N, C-alpha and C. Protein backbone atom coordinates (compact mmCIF):
# COMPACT_ATOMS: atom_id res chain seq x y z
N MET A 1 108.48 130.25 96.89
CA MET A 1 109.38 129.44 95.94
C MET A 1 108.88 129.69 94.52
N ASN A 2 109.91 129.49 93.51
CA ASN A 2 109.54 129.74 92.21
C ASN A 2 108.50 128.72 91.62
N SER A 3 108.03 128.91 90.30
CA SER A 3 107.04 127.96 89.90
C SER A 3 107.89 126.66 89.51
N ILE A 4 109.09 126.77 89.33
CA ILE A 4 109.98 125.63 89.09
C ILE A 4 110.86 125.37 90.25
N SER A 5 110.66 124.41 91.03
CA SER A 5 111.37 124.18 92.40
C SER A 5 112.83 123.74 92.00
N GLN A 6 113.65 123.80 93.06
CA GLN A 6 114.98 123.22 92.93
C GLN A 6 114.99 121.80 92.44
N ALA A 7 114.04 121.00 92.91
CA ALA A 7 114.02 119.59 92.58
C ALA A 7 113.77 119.52 91.10
N GLY A 8 112.87 120.34 90.62
CA GLY A 8 112.55 120.41 89.21
C GLY A 8 113.64 120.81 88.31
N MET A 9 114.45 121.80 88.75
CA MET A 9 115.60 122.25 88.15
C MET A 9 116.64 121.12 88.01
N SER A 10 116.80 120.36 89.04
CA SER A 10 117.81 119.31 88.94
C SER A 10 117.41 118.29 87.84
N GLY A 11 116.06 118.10 87.65
CA GLY A 11 115.57 117.34 86.53
C GLY A 11 115.97 117.86 85.31
N ILE A 12 115.74 119.13 85.18
CA ILE A 12 116.08 119.84 83.90
C ILE A 12 117.53 119.73 83.53
N VAL A 13 118.46 119.88 84.57
CA VAL A 13 119.81 119.83 84.38
C VAL A 13 120.27 118.48 83.94
N SER A 14 119.76 117.47 84.56
CA SER A 14 120.03 116.09 84.19
C SER A 14 119.53 115.77 82.83
N LEU A 15 118.45 116.26 82.43
CA LEU A 15 117.89 115.99 81.01
C LEU A 15 118.82 116.72 80.01
N THR A 16 119.16 117.92 80.22
CA THR A 16 120.00 118.67 79.23
C THR A 16 121.54 117.92 79.20
N THR A 17 121.89 117.48 80.32
CA THR A 17 123.15 116.86 80.44
C THR A 17 123.14 115.56 79.65
N GLY A 18 122.09 114.84 79.85
CA GLY A 18 121.81 113.50 79.10
C GLY A 18 121.65 113.80 77.56
N ALA A 19 121.14 114.90 77.11
CA ALA A 19 120.78 115.04 75.77
C ALA A 19 122.08 115.02 74.86
N GLY A 20 123.18 115.57 75.42
CA GLY A 20 124.40 115.43 74.68
C GLY A 20 124.99 114.03 74.54
N ALA A 21 124.74 113.25 75.66
CA ALA A 21 125.22 111.89 75.65
C ALA A 21 124.38 111.04 74.63
N LEU A 22 123.13 111.40 74.47
CA LEU A 22 122.26 110.63 73.50
C LEU A 22 122.81 110.63 72.07
N THR A 23 123.36 111.74 71.67
CA THR A 23 123.86 111.95 70.21
C THR A 23 125.22 111.08 70.14
N LYS A 24 125.99 110.98 71.21
CA LYS A 24 127.17 110.21 71.04
C LYS A 24 126.96 108.69 70.99
N THR A 25 126.24 108.08 71.99
CA THR A 25 125.84 106.67 72.04
C THR A 25 124.55 106.63 72.27
N SER A 26 123.65 106.49 71.31
CA SER A 26 122.13 106.47 71.52
C SER A 26 121.67 105.08 71.59
N GLY A 27 121.92 104.55 72.74
CA GLY A 27 121.37 103.10 73.04
C GLY A 27 119.81 103.23 73.43
N PRO A 28 119.13 102.17 73.23
CA PRO A 28 117.64 102.27 73.42
C PRO A 28 117.36 102.54 74.78
N ASN A 29 118.19 102.20 75.77
CA ASN A 29 117.84 102.33 77.23
C ASN A 29 118.04 103.80 77.55
N LYS A 30 119.01 104.33 76.90
CA LYS A 30 119.25 105.97 77.19
C LYS A 30 118.08 106.69 76.73
N VAL A 31 117.57 106.36 75.46
CA VAL A 31 116.47 107.13 74.88
C VAL A 31 115.18 106.98 75.77
N GLU A 32 114.93 105.69 76.20
CA GLU A 32 113.79 105.46 77.08
C GLU A 32 113.97 106.09 78.40
N LYS A 33 115.05 106.02 78.96
CA LYS A 33 115.33 106.76 80.30
C LYS A 33 115.08 108.30 80.15
N ALA A 34 115.68 108.92 79.20
CA ALA A 34 115.55 110.28 78.96
C ALA A 34 114.04 110.76 78.71
N ALA A 35 113.31 109.94 77.90
CA ALA A 35 111.87 110.16 77.61
C ALA A 35 111.13 110.06 78.90
N GLN A 36 111.45 109.00 79.71
CA GLN A 36 110.77 108.82 80.99
C GLN A 36 111.03 109.91 81.97
N GLN A 37 112.30 110.48 81.98
CA GLN A 37 112.68 111.57 82.88
C GLN A 37 111.87 112.90 82.43
N PHE A 38 111.78 113.08 81.11
CA PHE A 38 110.96 114.19 80.49
C PHE A 38 109.57 114.10 80.93
N GLU A 39 108.94 112.98 80.92
CA GLU A 39 107.51 112.70 81.19
C GLU A 39 107.36 113.10 82.83
N ALA A 40 108.33 112.58 83.57
CA ALA A 40 108.30 112.79 84.97
C ALA A 40 108.36 114.31 85.37
N LEU A 41 109.22 115.03 84.53
CA LEU A 41 109.27 116.53 84.78
C LEU A 41 107.99 117.14 84.48
N LEU A 42 107.35 116.84 83.34
CA LEU A 42 105.98 117.30 83.03
C LEU A 42 104.99 117.08 84.00
N ILE A 43 104.98 115.83 84.41
CA ILE A 43 103.93 115.36 85.47
C ILE A 43 104.10 116.16 86.75
N GLY A 44 105.44 116.41 87.07
CA GLY A 44 105.76 117.15 88.30
C GLY A 44 105.28 118.56 88.23
N GLN A 45 105.39 119.16 87.12
CA GLN A 45 104.95 120.56 86.87
C GLN A 45 103.40 120.58 86.87
N ILE A 46 102.74 119.65 86.47
CA ILE A 46 101.26 119.58 86.58
C ILE A 46 100.74 119.52 87.91
N LEU A 47 101.58 118.54 88.71
CA LEU A 47 101.11 118.43 90.14
C LEU A 47 101.39 119.66 90.88
N HIS A 48 102.57 120.42 90.57
CA HIS A 48 102.88 121.52 91.31
C HIS A 48 101.83 122.71 91.04
N SER A 49 101.38 122.69 89.81
CA SER A 49 100.55 123.87 89.39
C SER A 49 99.07 123.64 90.12
N THR A 50 98.79 122.37 90.57
CA THR A 50 97.46 122.20 91.25
C THR A 50 97.32 122.98 92.59
N HIS A 51 98.44 123.23 93.29
CA HIS A 51 98.44 123.89 94.58
C HIS A 51 99.19 125.07 94.56
N GLU A 52 99.57 125.70 93.50
CA GLU A 52 100.55 126.72 93.37
C GLU A 52 100.08 127.97 94.24
N SER A 53 98.80 128.19 94.22
CA SER A 53 98.21 129.39 94.97
C SER A 53 97.96 129.18 96.48
N ASP A 54 98.17 127.99 96.93
CA ASP A 54 97.89 127.65 98.30
C ASP A 54 98.81 128.51 99.15
N SER A 55 98.43 128.87 100.36
CA SER A 55 99.24 129.69 101.19
C SER A 55 100.06 128.93 102.28
N GLY A 56 100.22 127.62 102.04
CA GLY A 56 101.07 126.90 103.03
C GLY A 56 100.14 125.97 103.89
N TRP A 57 100.85 125.26 104.85
CA TRP A 57 100.30 124.38 105.77
C TRP A 57 99.32 125.05 106.75
N LEU A 58 98.11 124.77 106.66
CA LEU A 58 97.08 125.32 107.49
C LEU A 58 97.03 126.87 107.41
N GLY A 59 97.23 127.39 106.24
CA GLY A 59 97.14 128.81 106.01
C GLY A 59 98.33 129.58 106.44
N ALA A 60 99.36 129.06 106.93
CA ALA A 60 100.59 129.70 107.24
C ALA A 60 101.52 129.49 106.14
N ASP A 61 102.47 130.48 105.98
CA ASP A 61 103.57 130.31 105.11
C ASP A 61 104.68 129.55 105.69
N ASP A 62 104.59 128.24 105.47
CA ASP A 62 105.69 127.37 106.05
C ASP A 62 106.57 126.85 104.93
N SER A 63 107.80 127.32 104.83
CA SER A 63 108.67 126.79 103.77
C SER A 63 109.12 125.34 103.94
N SER A 64 109.22 124.84 105.21
CA SER A 64 109.50 123.39 105.42
C SER A 64 108.42 122.49 104.77
N ALA A 65 107.16 122.89 105.02
CA ALA A 65 106.19 122.17 104.51
C ALA A 65 105.99 122.17 102.87
N SER A 66 106.40 123.40 102.43
CA SER A 66 106.50 123.54 100.89
C SER A 66 107.66 122.75 100.47
N SER A 67 108.81 122.56 101.01
CA SER A 67 109.82 121.79 100.63
C SER A 67 109.43 120.29 100.52
N ALA A 68 108.88 119.89 101.55
CA ALA A 68 108.40 118.48 101.79
C ALA A 68 107.37 118.19 100.64
N THR A 69 106.48 119.10 100.40
CA THR A 69 105.47 118.93 99.31
C THR A 69 106.27 118.90 97.93
N ASP A 70 107.19 119.71 97.76
CA ASP A 70 107.86 119.56 96.50
C ASP A 70 108.52 118.37 96.26
N PHE A 71 109.20 117.91 97.33
CA PHE A 71 109.85 116.56 97.26
C PHE A 71 108.78 115.45 97.00
N ALA A 72 107.75 115.45 97.68
CA ALA A 72 106.79 114.44 97.48
C ALA A 72 106.27 114.43 96.04
N GLU A 73 106.00 115.68 95.49
CA GLU A 73 105.55 115.77 94.25
C GLU A 73 106.53 115.20 93.16
N GLU A 74 107.81 115.53 93.38
CA GLU A 74 108.91 114.89 92.51
C GLU A 74 108.90 113.35 92.48
N GLN A 75 108.71 112.76 93.71
CA GLN A 75 108.81 111.36 93.85
C GLN A 75 107.54 110.81 93.28
N LEU A 76 106.41 111.36 93.47
CA LEU A 76 105.24 110.99 92.89
C LEU A 76 105.22 110.99 91.24
N ALA A 77 105.75 112.05 90.75
CA ALA A 77 105.94 112.20 89.31
C ALA A 77 106.82 111.06 88.68
N ASN A 78 107.92 110.88 89.46
CA ASN A 78 108.88 109.84 88.92
C ASN A 78 108.21 108.45 88.96
N THR A 79 107.52 108.14 90.05
CA THR A 79 106.77 106.76 90.19
C THR A 79 105.76 106.76 89.12
N ILE A 80 104.87 107.78 88.90
CA ILE A 80 103.90 107.72 87.78
C ILE A 80 104.52 107.47 86.54
N ALA A 81 105.59 108.17 86.16
CA ALA A 81 106.31 108.04 84.85
C ALA A 81 106.86 106.63 84.66
N GLN A 82 107.47 106.08 85.75
CA GLN A 82 108.20 104.76 85.70
C GLN A 82 107.12 103.58 85.55
N ASN A 83 105.84 103.91 85.84
CA ASN A 83 104.82 102.86 85.68
C ASN A 83 103.86 103.21 84.62
N GLY A 84 104.40 103.81 83.48
CA GLY A 84 103.56 104.07 82.24
C GLY A 84 103.17 105.41 82.21
N GLY A 85 103.08 106.19 83.16
CA GLY A 85 102.65 107.59 83.10
C GLY A 85 101.38 107.94 82.27
N LEU A 86 101.62 108.99 81.51
CA LEU A 86 100.60 109.47 80.60
C LEU A 86 100.71 108.92 79.23
N GLY A 87 101.74 108.17 78.92
CA GLY A 87 101.97 107.66 77.58
C GLY A 87 102.73 108.54 76.78
N LEU A 88 103.26 109.62 77.35
CA LEU A 88 104.08 110.57 76.56
C LEU A 88 105.43 109.98 76.21
N SER A 89 105.99 109.30 77.15
CA SER A 89 107.41 108.70 76.95
C SER A 89 107.35 107.67 75.70
N LYS A 90 106.23 106.94 75.72
CA LYS A 90 106.17 106.00 74.53
C LYS A 90 106.05 106.70 73.23
N MET A 91 105.31 107.77 73.25
CA MET A 91 105.27 108.62 72.00
C MET A 91 106.47 109.22 71.55
N ILE A 92 107.31 109.75 72.58
CA ILE A 92 108.61 110.25 72.33
C ILE A 92 109.57 109.28 71.79
N ILE A 93 109.49 108.06 72.41
CA ILE A 93 110.41 106.96 71.98
C ILE A 93 110.11 106.59 70.51
N GLN A 94 108.78 106.44 70.17
CA GLN A 94 108.37 106.14 68.82
C GLN A 94 108.91 107.20 67.87
N GLY A 95 108.84 108.44 68.20
CA GLY A 95 109.15 109.56 67.43
C GLY A 95 110.71 109.68 67.12
N LEU A 96 111.44 109.17 68.13
CA LEU A 96 112.92 109.16 68.05
C LEU A 96 113.56 107.94 67.23
N ARG A 97 112.73 106.91 67.16
CA ARG A 97 113.18 105.68 66.50
C ARG A 97 113.10 105.85 64.95
N PRO A 98 114.11 105.29 64.20
CA PRO A 98 113.91 105.46 62.78
C PRO A 98 112.91 104.60 62.18
């Protein structure tokens, strides 16, 4: 599987789609949500890179285990970002506010 999973790509697509909407109606909730999604994407990439060289479940190349792991990483990254994360979303929000 690529270094960016399909789940990660869906996050990128939703972020880029949401970026155009931010310029039209930039409410504080949209900015916060976009910053949180961006932080979740970065956390997901960090989690994915920790086991990128692993050869699969118990040493076998098992794509179903890889898919499950990718899904679990995405969910964990979203949960971490929703609960404060690494503080990146707060910094992004502060940088975007006038």
